[in-house]
């Protein structure tokens, strides 16, 4: 028993000592400085997860609470000369208790308001993986950890294994070898540039790739096509049509096969192709490359397509066939073909040039998420704002990210996976009646913005109430505070409003603690001043 008392007195002496208090306060200050720098460079969310809401920061705060509490306890029973001291420490303890209530039960989120559209969902900064089994009408919401770094998980949800969570990531291109690829599924990596700009472009014909076969770059459209079609593009044919057999890759012009090219009574061009079985296939290539049936519906099962080169003469269109390109030159009124194998191709638009970086017939490009610390600029995350989760179904592993949901199948049901944020439904609804923005003179930069909203609470007898929300004039209702935070465009001179939402159950205790701390400091000063005068 004596040893227990001695141990308690020893611990009490350490926790209540001024040296311990100085060490803890120093650690707390260092942590705050570290957190401030992290927030400045990487954003508030990252800093919160790394510092302010971490277990070690909470440990420092707990030790500060114990230090203040024990420093108060060792000075009992109450002494008149320490009245101010007791009030100061009571205030500090009250602040800690209020902060704890806020941490456990507080809400920080946002709500988006569209004009004349009721809204009641708050979006909270907590990540959730939603998994919907469409055939079974089952839905699961898996909370993801509040971590600042990549986190390995071992969670099984109805046969889906959740492996890894990346709270901030960027997409990196990876080329995956596939020896079973056909020659019509090649992929390419290119650089298009002039003296002013430069941009890299990846295009692919593989159905396994995350990249598409067409991309627009301002007025210029890039078309990535099987290299078997290149020769047909350069063949002279008065019709300007190319017939392509999807089954064997064969291509030819109407002239080569003596096909019928004629016009309807209304002057619409059409092509007739004999399928080898005595049946004619009809095309209207100026409208669609797909043949039509007797009822003029599209025959998607046909292996034949007809491409009209005439549709690509008026605007800049570049056709890329793996390591070769073809484009239409208006001045020469002809199609020009160039090779990218050994040289940089000069394009006829804005002095652009095209360089081949990589071409592959046996691999395809995919975008794989990779962890990165978020980077903040002018209060906005400019890099690393993507979140990603790796999952396994059967023997296959997949990535989904916050910008691209994932659709899978387990053979019984379609499965949809989506990374989203936690939502809270308010028991009332807000509607944006009007959004007003004031701009700086001579610029389009917003100087201030404000929202005129109406609130409808079915629990209240007040009916609809109208509120004006702007900087330093928040809407306070039902213990929630709505601040004007941001806006987003939804059309020409039309905007939606974003209100940040805060619920702070420990606010009163924190205000009370601050008052007690200030009052106690003044009281302590007065008492000590009187004592010094009395002893002088």
Protein backbone atom coordinates (compact mmCIF):
# COMPACT_ATOMS: atom_id res chain seq x y z
CA UNK A 1 0.00 0.00 0.00
CA UNK A 2 2.82 2.36 0.90
CA UNK A 3 4.49 1.68 -2.46
CA UNK A 4 1.27 2.58 -4.28
CA UNK A 5 1.04 5.84 -2.32
CA UNK A 6 4.69 6.59 -3.02
CA UNK A 7 4.18 5.91 -6.73
CA UNK A 8 1.12 8.17 -6.79
CA UNK A 9 2.97 10.97 -5.02
CA UNK A 10 5.89 10.56 -7.45
CA UNK A 11 3.60 10.77 -10.51
CA UNK A 12 1.71 13.66 -8.92
CA UNK A 13 4.95 15.50 -8.35
CA UNK A 14 5.97 15.11 -11.99
CA UNK A 15 2.59 16.05 -13.48
CA UNK A 16 2.15 19.09 -11.23
CA UNK A 17 5.68 20.43 -11.61
CA UNK A 18 6.49 23.59 -13.53
CA UNK A 19 9.19 21.75 -15.52
CA UNK A 20 6.67 19.23 -16.83
CA UNK A 21 4.28 22.06 -17.74
CA UNK A 22 7.04 23.88 -19.64
CA UNK A 23 7.97 20.72 -21.58
CA UNK A 24 4.36 19.98 -22.54
CA UNK A 25 3.63 23.59 -23.51
CA UNK A 26 6.82 23.62 -25.63
CA UNK A 27 5.80 20.39 -27.39
CA UNK A 28 2.32 21.81 -27.95
CA UNK A 29 3.74 25.01 -29.46
CA UNK A 30 6.09 23.04 -31.75
CA UNK A 31 3.17 20.87 -32.89
CA UNK A 32 1.10 23.99 -33.65
CA UNK A 33 3.93 25.52 -35.67
CA UNK A 34 4.41 22.23 -37.55
CA UNK A 35 0.67 21.99 -38.20
CA UNK A 36 0.55 25.59 -39.44
CA UNK A 37 3.30 24.93 -42.00
CA UNK A 38 1.60 21.69 -43.14
CA UNK A 39 -1.71 23.52 -43.54
CA UNK A 40 -0.03 26.30 -45.51
CA UNK A 41 1.60 23.92 -48.00
CA UNK A 42 -0.77 20.94 -48.03
CA UNK A 43 -4.19 22.23 -46.96
CA UNK A 44 -6.37 22.14 -43.86
CA UNK A 45 -7.61 18.57 -44.35
CA UNK A 46 -4.11 17.11 -44.59
CA UNK A 47 -2.90 19.16 -41.60
CA UNK A 48 -5.94 18.08 -39.58
CA UNK A 49 -5.32 14.40 -40.26
CA UNK A 50 -1.55 14.64 -39.82
CA UNK A 51 -1.47 16.89 -36.74
CA UNK A 52 -4.59 18.36 -35.16
CA UNK A 53 -6.65 15.14 -35.11
CA UNK A 54 -3.77 12.70 -34.69
CA UNK A 55 -3.39 10.43 -31.65
CA UNK A 56 -0.09 12.03 -30.59
CA UNK A 57 -1.51 15.57 -30.71
CA UNK A 58 -4.48 14.42 -28.65
CA UNK A 59 -1.96 12.84 -26.25
CA UNK A 60 -0.16 16.16 -25.80
CA UNK A 61 -3.48 17.87 -25.09
CA UNK A 62 -4.40 15.15 -22.58
CA UNK A 63 -1.07 15.62 -20.78
CA UNK A 64 -1.65 19.40 -20.71
CA UNK A 65 -5.06 18.78 -19.16
CA UNK A 66 -3.49 16.50 -16.52
CA UNK A 67 -0.73 19.03 -15.83
CA UNK A 68 -3.25 21.83 -15.24
CA UNK A 69 -5.53 19.58 -13.19
CA UNK A 70 -2.72 18.24 -10.96
CA UNK A 71 -1.22 21.73 -10.54
CA UNK A 72 -4.61 22.78 -9.17
CA UNK A 73 -5.09 19.72 -6.95
CA UNK A 74 -1.70 20.06 -5.17
CA UNK A 75 -2.67 23.60 -4.15
CA UNK A 76 -5.73 22.48 -2.22
CA UNK A 77 -7.24 23.24 0.23
CA UNK A 78 -8.28 26.60 -1.18
CA UNK A 79 -6.12 29.55 -0.24
CA UNK A 80 -7.32 33.11 -0.60
CA UNK A 81 -4.11 34.32 -2.24
CA UNK A 82 -4.64 31.72 -5.01
CA UNK A 83 -8.24 32.58 -5.93
CA UNK A 84 -7.14 34.02 -9.26
CA UNK A 85 -4.90 30.99 -9.90
CA UNK A 86 -7.84 28.62 -9.33
CA UNK A 87 -10.07 30.59 -11.70
CA UNK A 88 -7.37 30.65 -14.42
CA UNK A 89 -6.87 26.89 -14.25
CA UNK A 90 -10.62 26.27 -14.08
CA UNK A 91 -10.95 28.31 -17.26
CA UNK A 92 -8.21 26.32 -19.01
CA UNK A 93 -9.79 23.03 -17.97
CA UNK A 94 -13.18 24.25 -19.20
CA UNK A 95 -11.67 25.14 -22.59
CA UNK A 96 -10.21 21.63 -22.87
CA UNK A 97 -13.54 20.03 -21.98
CA UNK A 98 -15.37 22.19 -24.53
CA UNK A 99 -12.80 21.30 -27.20
CA UNK A 100 -13.26 17.62 -26.43
CA UNK A 101 -17.05 17.91 -26.87
CA UNK A 102 -16.47 19.66 -30.20
CA UNK A 103 -14.02 16.98 -31.35
CA UNK A 104 -16.38 14.11 -30.50
CA UNK A 105 -19.74 15.56 -31.57
CA UNK A 106 -18.92 18.61 -33.69
CA UNK A 107 -19.78 18.87 -37.38
CA UNK A 108 -17.81 20.68 -40.09
CA UNK A 109 -19.14 20.39 -43.60
CA UNK A 110 -20.71 22.21 -46.50
CA UNK A 111 -23.96 22.38 -48.43
CA UNK A 112 -24.36 23.21 -52.12
CA UNK A 113 -27.36 25.29 -53.15
CA UNK A 114 -28.73 25.48 -56.69
CA UNK A 115 -31.12 28.29 -57.63
CA UNK A 116 -34.73 27.49 -56.63
CA UNK A 117 -33.81 23.91 -55.67
CA UNK A 118 -34.39 22.73 -52.06
CA UNK A 119 -31.33 21.13 -50.41
CA UNK A 120 -30.90 19.43 -47.05
CA UNK A 121 -27.76 17.26 -47.37
CA UNK A 122 -24.57 18.30 -45.61
CA UNK A 123 -21.32 16.91 -47.02
CA UNK A 124 -18.86 16.04 -44.24
CA UNK A 125 -15.13 15.72 -44.76
CA UNK A 126 -15.12 11.98 -44.06
CA UNK A 127 -14.48 9.47 -46.84
CA UNK A 128 -16.92 6.63 -47.52
CA UNK A 129 -16.77 3.74 -50.00
CA UNK A 130 -20.25 2.91 -51.22
CA UNK A 131 -20.84 -0.55 -52.69
CA UNK A 132 -24.17 -1.30 -54.41
CA UNK A 133 -25.16 -4.83 -55.45
CA UNK A 134 -27.74 -3.96 -58.07
CA UNK A 135 -29.25 -7.42 -58.56
CA UNK A 136 -29.62 -8.12 -54.83
CA UNK A 137 -30.74 -4.57 -53.91
CA UNK A 138 -28.03 -4.48 -51.25
CA UNK A 139 -25.99 -1.41 -50.41
CA UNK A 140 -23.01 -1.04 -48.09
CA UNK A 141 -21.27 2.13 -46.87
CA UNK A 142 -17.74 1.51 -45.60
CA UNK A 143 -16.18 4.37 -43.58
CA UNK A 144 -12.56 4.91 -44.62
CA UNK A 145 -9.84 5.88 -42.14
CA UNK A 146 -9.06 9.53 -41.44
CA UNK A 147 -5.44 9.13 -42.42
CA UNK A 148 -3.01 11.53 -44.06
CA UNK A 149 -1.02 8.75 -45.75
CA UNK A 150 -1.69 5.60 -47.75
CA UNK A 151 -3.32 2.96 -45.58
CA UNK A 152 -3.47 -0.80 -46.11
CA UNK A 153 -6.88 -2.22 -45.25
CA UNK A 154 -8.15 -5.75 -44.81
CA UNK A 155 -11.90 -5.43 -45.15
CA UNK A 156 -14.22 -7.92 -46.82
CA UNK A 157 -17.64 -6.73 -47.95
CA UNK A 158 -19.81 -9.47 -49.40
CA UNK A 159 -16.94 -11.00 -51.38
CA UNK A 160 -15.19 -7.73 -52.29
CA UNK A 161 -11.80 -7.29 -50.63
CA UNK A 162 -10.85 -3.68 -49.87
CA UNK A 163 -7.04 -3.51 -49.97
CA UNK A 164 -5.64 0.03 -49.93
CA UNK A 165 -6.89 3.57 -49.39
CA UNK A 166 -5.07 6.63 -50.77
CA UNK A 167 -6.43 9.84 -49.18
CA UNK A 168 -4.58 11.98 -51.74
CA UNK A 169 -3.26 10.75 -55.05
CA UNK A 170 -2.41 11.55 -58.64
CA UNK A 171 -2.81 9.39 -61.73
CA UNK A 172 0.32 7.94 -63.30
CA UNK A 173 0.41 6.19 -66.66
CA UNK A 174 1.51 2.56 -66.68
CA UNK A 175 1.89 0.34 -69.75
CA UNK A 176 0.69 -3.23 -69.26
CA UNK A 177 1.98 -5.97 -71.54
CA UNK A 178 -0.64 -8.13 -73.24
CA UNK A 179 0.73 -10.64 -75.79
CA UNK A 180 -2.83 -11.60 -76.76
CA UNK A 181 -3.59 -8.17 -78.23
CA UNK A 182 -4.56 -8.01 -81.88
CA UNK A 183 -2.78 -5.72 -84.35
CA UNK A 184 -5.83 -3.45 -84.44
CA UNK A 185 -5.56 -2.63 -80.71
CA UNK A 186 -2.29 -0.69 -80.67
CA UNK A 187 -1.62 2.39 -78.52
CA UNK A 188 0.53 5.48 -78.85
CA UNK A 189 2.07 8.30 -76.82
CA UNK A 190 2.62 11.60 -78.64
CA UNK A 191 3.77 15.17 -78.05
CA UNK A 192 2.10 18.00 -79.95
CA UNK A 193 3.82 21.37 -79.68
CA UNK A 194 4.75 24.71 -81.19
CA UNK A 195 6.82 27.66 -79.97
CA UNK A 196 4.14 28.63 -77.44
CA UNK A 197 2.64 25.43 -76.00
CA UNK A 198 3.39 21.74 -75.60
CA UNK A 199 1.12 18.88 -74.60
CA UNK A 200 1.51 15.13 -74.38
CA UNK A 201 -1.33 12.91 -75.58
CA UNK A 202 -1.93 9.17 -75.11
CA UNK A 203 -4.40 7.41 -77.42
CA UNK A 204 -5.38 3.76 -77.55
CA UNK A 205 -7.59 1.32 -79.45
CA UNK A 206 -7.48 -1.29 -76.67
CA UNK A 207 -10.75 -1.86 -74.81
CA UNK A 208 -8.67 -2.50 -71.67
CA UNK A 209 -7.05 0.92 -71.72
CA UNK A 210 -8.15 3.95 -69.70
CA UNK A 211 -7.39 6.16 -72.72
CA UNK A 212 -9.68 6.80 -75.66
CA UNK A 213 -9.10 6.78 -79.42
CA UNK A 214 -10.18 10.40 -79.94
CA UNK A 215 -9.25 13.65 -78.24
CA UNK A 216 -10.09 17.28 -78.92
CA UNK A 217 -7.48 19.99 -78.48
CA UNK A 218 -9.32 23.23 -79.11
CA UNK A 219 -10.39 23.27 -82.79
CA UNK A 220 -8.11 20.29 -83.58
CA UNK A 221 -9.46 16.75 -83.26
CA UNK A 222 -7.12 13.75 -83.01
CA UNK A 223 -8.41 10.41 -84.34
CA UNK A 224 -6.43 7.28 -83.47
CA UNK A 225 -7.18 4.47 -85.92
CA UNK A 226 -5.93 0.99 -86.94
CA UNK A 227 -2.85 1.32 -89.14
CA UNK A 228 -4.48 -0.97 -91.75
CA UNK A 229 -6.69 1.97 -92.77
CA UNK A 230 -3.82 4.30 -93.61
CA UNK A 231 -3.37 3.14 -97.19
CA UNK A 232 -7.10 3.48 -97.87
CA UNK A 233 -7.05 7.07 -96.63
CA UNK A 234 -4.46 7.94 -99.25
CA UNK A 235 -6.18 6.18 -102.15
CA UNK A 236 -7.82 8.40 -104.75
CA UNK A 237 -11.56 7.87 -105.01
CA UNK A 238 -14.11 10.44 -106.24
CA UNK A 239 -16.65 9.42 -103.58
CA UNK A 240 -14.30 10.03 -100.64
CA UNK A 241 -15.60 6.87 -98.95
CA UNK A 242 -13.67 4.04 -97.26
CA UNK A 243 -15.27 0.64 -96.59
CA UNK A 244 -13.87 -1.24 -93.60
CA UNK A 245 -14.45 -4.87 -92.58
CA UNK A 246 -14.21 -5.07 -88.79
CA UNK A 247 -13.79 -8.84 -88.88
CA UNK A 248 -10.61 -9.13 -90.93
CA UNK A 249 -9.42 -5.52 -91.00
CA UNK A 250 -9.71 -5.27 -94.78
CA UNK A 251 -10.41 -1.84 -96.22
CA UNK A 252 -11.11 -0.67 -99.77
CA UNK A 253 -12.72 2.13 -101.74
CA UNK A 254 -15.98 1.86 -103.72
CA UNK A 255 -14.00 2.26 -106.93
CA UNK A 256 -11.82 -0.76 -106.17
CA UNK A 257 -14.83 -3.07 -105.75
CA UNK A 258 -17.05 -1.34 -108.35
CA UNK A 259 -19.64 -0.61 -105.66
CA UNK A 260 -22.81 1.32 -106.33
CA UNK A 261 -22.59 4.94 -105.14
CA UNK A 262 -25.74 6.90 -105.92
CA UNK A 263 -28.20 9.47 -104.58
CA UNK A 264 -31.73 9.16 -103.27
CA UNK A 265 -34.59 11.24 -104.68
CA UNK A 266 -33.77 13.85 -102.04
CA UNK A 267 -30.12 14.00 -103.06
CA UNK A 268 -28.68 11.95 -100.16
CA UNK A 269 -25.63 9.86 -101.03
CA UNK A 270 -25.79 6.13 -100.37
CA UNK A 271 -23.55 3.11 -100.94
CA UNK A 272 -24.64 -0.45 -101.75
CA UNK A 273 -22.37 -3.34 -100.79
CA UNK A 274 -22.98 -6.99 -101.71
CA UNK A 275 -22.21 -9.21 -98.69
CA UNK A 276 -21.24 -12.26 -100.77
CA UNK A 277 -24.54 -14.02 -100.11
CA UNK A 278 -26.60 -12.16 -102.66
CA UNK A 279 -27.79 -9.59 -100.12
CA UNK A 280 -27.06 -5.87 -100.40
CA UNK A 281 -26.05 -3.73 -97.42
CA UNK A 282 -27.03 -0.05 -97.58
CA UNK A 283 -25.08 2.87 -96.10
CA UNK A 284 -25.67 6.60 -95.77
CA UNK A 285 -22.02 7.47 -94.94
CA UNK A 286 -22.54 11.24 -94.74
CA UNK A 287 -24.76 10.63 -91.70
CA UNK A 288 -23.42 7.43 -90.10
CA UNK A 289 -20.74 4.79 -90.83
CA UNK A 290 -23.16 2.03 -89.74
CA UNK A 291 -25.36 0.31 -92.38
CA UNK A 292 -29.16 0.56 -92.16
CA UNK A 293 -31.87 -2.09 -92.35
CA UNK A 294 -35.02 -1.90 -94.44
CA UNK A 295 -36.78 0.10 -91.71
CA UNK A 296 -33.80 2.53 -91.72
CA UNK A 297 -32.69 1.43 -88.22
CA UNK A 298 -28.95 0.89 -87.69
CA UNK A 299 -27.57 -2.61 -88.19
CA UNK A 300 -24.98 -2.73 -85.42
CA UNK A 301 -24.34 -6.45 -86.03
CA UNK A 302 -22.92 -5.87 -89.50
CA UNK A 303 -19.11 -6.24 -89.75
CA UNK A 304 -18.92 -3.45 -92.33
CA UNK A 305 -18.52 0.28 -91.80
CA UNK A 306 -18.23 3.11 -94.33
CA UNK A 307 -16.21 6.20 -93.39
CA UNK A 308 -16.72 9.45 -95.29
CA UNK A 309 -13.51 11.46 -95.54
CA UNK A 310 -15.57 14.40 -96.81
CA UNK A 311 -16.80 15.07 -93.25
CA UNK A 312 -13.27 15.92 -92.09
CA UNK A 313 -12.15 18.44 -94.69
CA UNK A 314 -13.55 21.70 -93.33
CA UNK A 315 -12.13 21.57 -89.78
CA UNK A 316 -8.69 20.53 -88.46
CA UNK A 317 -8.68 16.73 -88.13
CA UNK A 318 -5.56 14.64 -87.67
CA UNK A 319 -5.73 10.89 -88.27
CA UNK A 320 -3.03 8.89 -86.50
CA UNK A 321 -2.33 5.31 -87.60
CA UNK A 322 0.19 4.16 -85.03
CA UNK A 323 3.46 5.46 -86.47
CA UNK A 324 1.94 7.35 -89.41
CA UNK A 325 -0.41 10.31 -89.80
CA UNK A 326 -2.80 11.57 -92.47
CA UNK A 327 -4.48 14.97 -92.73
CA UNK A 328 -6.32 16.99 -95.39
CA UNK A 329 -4.52 20.00 -96.80
CA UNK A 330 -7.02 22.52 -98.15
CA UNK A 331 -4.50 24.41 -100.28
CA UNK A 332 -3.58 21.28 -102.20
CA UNK A 333 -7.07 19.80 -101.90
CA UNK A 334 -5.50 16.47 -101.11
CA UNK A 335 -4.83 14.04 -98.26
CA UNK A 336 -1.23 14.08 -97.04
CA UNK A 337 0.49 11.14 -95.32
CA UNK A 338 3.62 11.41 -93.14
CA UNK A 339 5.68 9.00 -91.07
CA UNK A 340 6.61 9.56 -87.41
CA UNK A 341 9.14 6.76 -87.19
CA UNK A 342 12.29 8.78 -87.76
CA UNK A 343 11.21 12.41 -87.80
CA UNK A 344 8.94 15.04 -86.29
CA UNK A 345 5.89 15.74 -88.45
CA UNK A 346 4.96 19.33 -89.26
CA UNK A 347 1.22 19.98 -89.12
CA UNK A 348 -0.63 22.61 -91.18
CA UNK A 349 -2.27 24.31 -88.19
CA UNK A 350 -0.70 27.07 -86.04
CA UNK A 351 2.85 25.78 -86.72
CA UNK A 352 2.16 22.68 -84.65
CA UNK A 353 4.50 19.70 -84.78
CA UNK A 354 3.91 16.10 -83.70
CA UNK A 355 6.49 13.79 -82.12
CA UNK A 356 6.03 10.05 -81.49
CA UNK A 357 7.17 9.16 -77.98
CA UNK A 358 6.00 5.56 -77.83
CA UNK A 359 4.07 3.12 -80.00
CA UNK A 360 3.10 -0.39 -78.87
CA UNK A 361 1.32 -3.34 -80.44
CA UNK A 362 1.55 -5.61 -77.39
CA UNK A 363 0.85 -3.33 -74.41
CA UNK A 364 -1.80 -0.83 -73.43
CA UNK A 365 -1.75 2.26 -71.15
CA UNK A 366 -3.73 2.56 -67.91
CA UNK A 367 -3.90 5.27 -65.28
CA UNK A 368 -2.88 3.98 -61.86
CA UNK A 369 -3.38 6.11 -58.72
CA UNK A 370 -0.21 6.87 -56.78
CA UNK A 371 -0.02 8.49 -53.33
CA UNK A 372 1.14 12.09 -53.16
CA UNK A 373 0.97 14.76 -50.49
CA UNK A 374 -1.58 17.37 -51.57
CA UNK A 375 -0.21 20.71 -52.73
CA UNK A 376 -2.08 23.92 -51.95
CA UNK A 377 -1.93 27.20 -53.85
CA UNK A 378 -3.96 30.30 -52.98
CA UNK A 379 -6.18 28.30 -50.64
CA UNK A 380 -6.99 25.60 -53.21
CA UNK A 381 -5.62 22.08 -53.62
CA UNK A 382 -3.95 22.08 -57.05
CA UNK A 383 -2.36 18.63 -56.87
CA UNK A 384 -3.32 15.49 -54.98
CA UNK A 385 -7.04 16.24 -54.65
CA UNK A 386 -7.85 12.72 -55.91
CA UNK A 387 -8.79 9.89 -53.53
CA UNK A 388 -8.45 6.23 -54.53
CA UNK A 389 -9.23 2.73 -53.27
CA UNK A 390 -7.88 -0.60 -54.48
CA UNK A 391 -10.28 -3.56 -54.36
CA UNK A 392 -10.10 -7.23 -55.33
CA UNK A 393 -12.92 -9.32 -56.78
CA UNK A 394 -12.06 -12.94 -57.50
CA UNK A 395 -8.54 -13.01 -58.90
CA UNK A 396 -8.65 -9.50 -60.35
CA UNK A 397 -7.55 -6.26 -58.72
CA UNK A 398 -9.06 -2.87 -59.60
CA UNK A 399 -8.63 0.80 -58.71
CA UNK A 400 -11.44 3.30 -58.35
CA UNK A 401 -11.02 6.97 -57.58
CA UNK A 402 -13.17 9.91 -56.56
CA UNK A 403 -13.51 11.01 -60.21
CA UNK A 404 -14.24 7.60 -61.73
CA UNK A 405 -16.66 5.10 -60.13
CA UNK A 406 -16.16 1.40 -60.86
CA UNK A 407 -18.63 -1.12 -62.30
CA UNK A 408 -17.95 -4.85 -61.78
CA UNK A 409 -19.83 -8.14 -61.94
CA UNK A 410 -19.56 -11.24 -59.79
CA UNK A 411 -21.55 -13.36 -62.25
CA UNK A 412 -24.76 -12.92 -60.27
CA UNK A 413 -25.12 -9.20 -59.88
CA UNK A 414 -23.77 -5.94 -61.24
CA UNK A 415 -21.68 -4.19 -58.59
CA UNK A 416 -21.12 -0.44 -58.49
CA UNK A 417 -18.45 1.11 -56.30
CA UNK A 418 -18.16 4.82 -55.63
CA UNK A 419 -15.90 6.95 -53.46
CA UNK A 420 -17.94 9.66 -51.83
CA UNK A 421 -18.15 11.81 -48.72
CA UNK A 422 -20.25 11.20 -45.65
CA UNK A 423 -23.61 12.94 -45.78
CA UNK A 424 -25.92 14.18 -43.04
CA UNK A 425 -29.55 15.07 -43.68
CA UNK A 426 -30.88 18.20 -42.03
CA UNK A 427 -34.43 18.10 -40.62
CA UNK A 428 -35.18 21.24 -42.68
CA UNK A 429 -34.32 22.49 -46.16
CA UNK A 430 -32.60 25.52 -47.65
CA UNK A 431 -33.35 27.06 -51.05
CA UNK A 432 -31.23 29.60 -52.91
CA UNK A 433 -33.46 32.40 -54.17
CA UNK A 434 -30.71 34.65 -55.47
CA UNK A 435 -26.93 34.74 -55.63
CA UNK A 436 -25.25 38.14 -55.91
CA UNK A 437 -21.65 38.75 -56.87
CA UNK A 438 -19.80 42.06 -56.84
CA UNK A 439 -16.67 42.20 -59.05
CA UNK A 440 -13.59 44.36 -58.83
CA UNK A 441 -13.83 47.30 -61.26
CA UNK A 442 -12.47 46.46 -64.69
CA UNK A 443 -11.99 42.75 -63.94
CA UNK A 444 -13.98 39.54 -63.61
CA UNK A 445 -12.50 38.83 -60.19
CA UNK A 446 -15.15 38.62 -57.46
CA UNK A 447 -14.85 41.25 -54.74
CA UNK A 448 -17.65 39.78 -52.63
CA UNK A 449 -20.59 37.42 -52.98
CA UNK A 450 -23.74 36.80 -50.99
CA UNK A 451 -26.71 34.46 -50.94
CA UNK A 452 -30.40 35.14 -50.41
CA UNK A 453 -31.88 31.90 -49.10
CA UNK A 454 -35.15 30.71 -47.66
CA UNK A 455 -35.48 28.11 -44.91
CA UNK A 456 -38.41 25.74 -44.52
CA UNK A 457 -38.71 23.74 -41.30
CA UNK A 458 -41.74 21.48 -41.06
CA UNK A 459 -41.26 21.25 -37.29
CA UNK A 460 -41.72 24.99 -36.84
CA UNK A 461 -44.83 27.15 -37.04
CA UNK A 462 -42.84 30.00 -38.61
CA UNK A 463 -43.25 28.58 -42.11
CA UNK A 464 -40.75 29.86 -44.65
CA UNK A 465 -38.17 32.33 -43.35
CA UNK A 466 -35.84 34.38 -45.54
CA UNK A 467 -32.18 35.05 -44.76
CA UNK A 468 -29.32 37.06 -46.22
CA UNK A 469 -25.96 35.26 -45.91
CA UNK A 470 -22.68 37.05 -46.61
CA UNK A 471 -19.27 37.61 -45.07
CA UNK A 472 -19.52 38.19 -41.31
CA UNK A 473 -23.28 37.67 -41.47
CA UNK A 474 -23.90 33.91 -41.15
CA UNK A 475 -27.23 32.18 -40.81
CA UNK A 476 -27.68 30.63 -37.35
CA UNK A 477 -30.43 28.07 -36.94
CA UNK A 478 -31.02 24.94 -34.85
CA UNK A 479 -27.48 25.04 -33.35
CA UNK A 480 -25.97 25.11 -36.86
CA UNK A 481 -24.14 28.09 -38.34
CA UNK A 482 -24.09 28.59 -42.12
CA UNK A 483 -21.32 30.76 -43.55
CA UNK A 484 -20.93 32.05 -47.11
CA UNK A 485 -17.94 30.06 -48.34
CA UNK A 486 -17.81 29.84 -52.12
CA UNK A 487 -19.76 29.56 -55.38
CA UNK A 488 -19.73 27.57 -58.64
CA UNK A 489 -20.89 28.40 -62.18
CA UNK A 490 -23.90 26.55 -63.61
CA UNK A 491 -24.45 28.59 -66.78
CA UNK A 492 -23.88 32.00 -68.36
CA UNK A 493 -23.95 34.49 -65.47
CA UNK A 494 -25.62 31.86 -63.28
CA UNK A 495 -24.10 30.54 -60.09
CA UNK A 496 -24.77 28.14 -57.29
CA UNK A 497 -23.73 28.89 -53.73
CA UNK A 498 -21.63 26.89 -51.27
CA UNK A 499 -22.24 27.44 -47.55
CA UNK A 500 -19.89 26.01 -44.97
CA UNK A 501 -21.76 24.49 -42.04
CA UNK A 502 -20.58 24.26 -38.46
CA UNK A 503 -22.07 22.67 -35.35
CA UNK A 504 -19.99 23.27 -32.22
CA UNK A 505 -21.51 21.70 -29.07
CA UNK A 506 -18.53 22.82 -26.98
CA UNK A 507 -18.71 26.47 -28.02
CA UNK A 508 -20.36 27.71 -24.80
CA UNK A 509 -17.78 25.91 -22.63
CA UNK A 510 -14.91 27.33 -24.69
CA UNK A 511 -16.30 30.86 -24.42
CA UNK A 512 -16.86 30.35 -20.69
CA UNK A 513 -13.33 29.02 -20.30
CA UNK A 514 -11.87 32.04 -22.08
CA UNK A 515 -13.87 34.37 -19.84
CA UNK A 516 -12.72 32.56 -16.69
CA UNK A 517 -9.10 32.61 -17.86
CA UNK A 518 -9.13 36.37 -18.50
CA UNK A 519 -11.09 37.11 -15.32
CA UNK A 520 -8.80 34.87 -13.26
CA UNK A 521 -5.69 36.56 -14.69
CA UNK A 522 -7.00 39.99 -13.72
CA UNK A 523 -8.02 38.73 -10.25
CA UNK A 524 -4.65 37.05 -9.71
CA UNK A 525 -2.87 40.25 -10.71
CA UNK A 526 -4.96 42.37 -8.30
CA UNK A 527 -4.43 39.95 -5.40
CA UNK A 528 -0.65 39.83 -5.92
CA UNK A 529 -0.52 43.60 -6.27
CA UNK A 530 -2.34 44.04 -2.94
CA UNK A 531 0.01 41.55 -1.28
CA UNK A 532 3.06 43.39 -2.54
CA UNK A 533 1.72 46.70 -1.25
CA UNK A 534 0.89 45.13 2.10
CA UNK A 535 4.43 43.76 2.50
CA UNK A 536 6.12 46.94 1.25
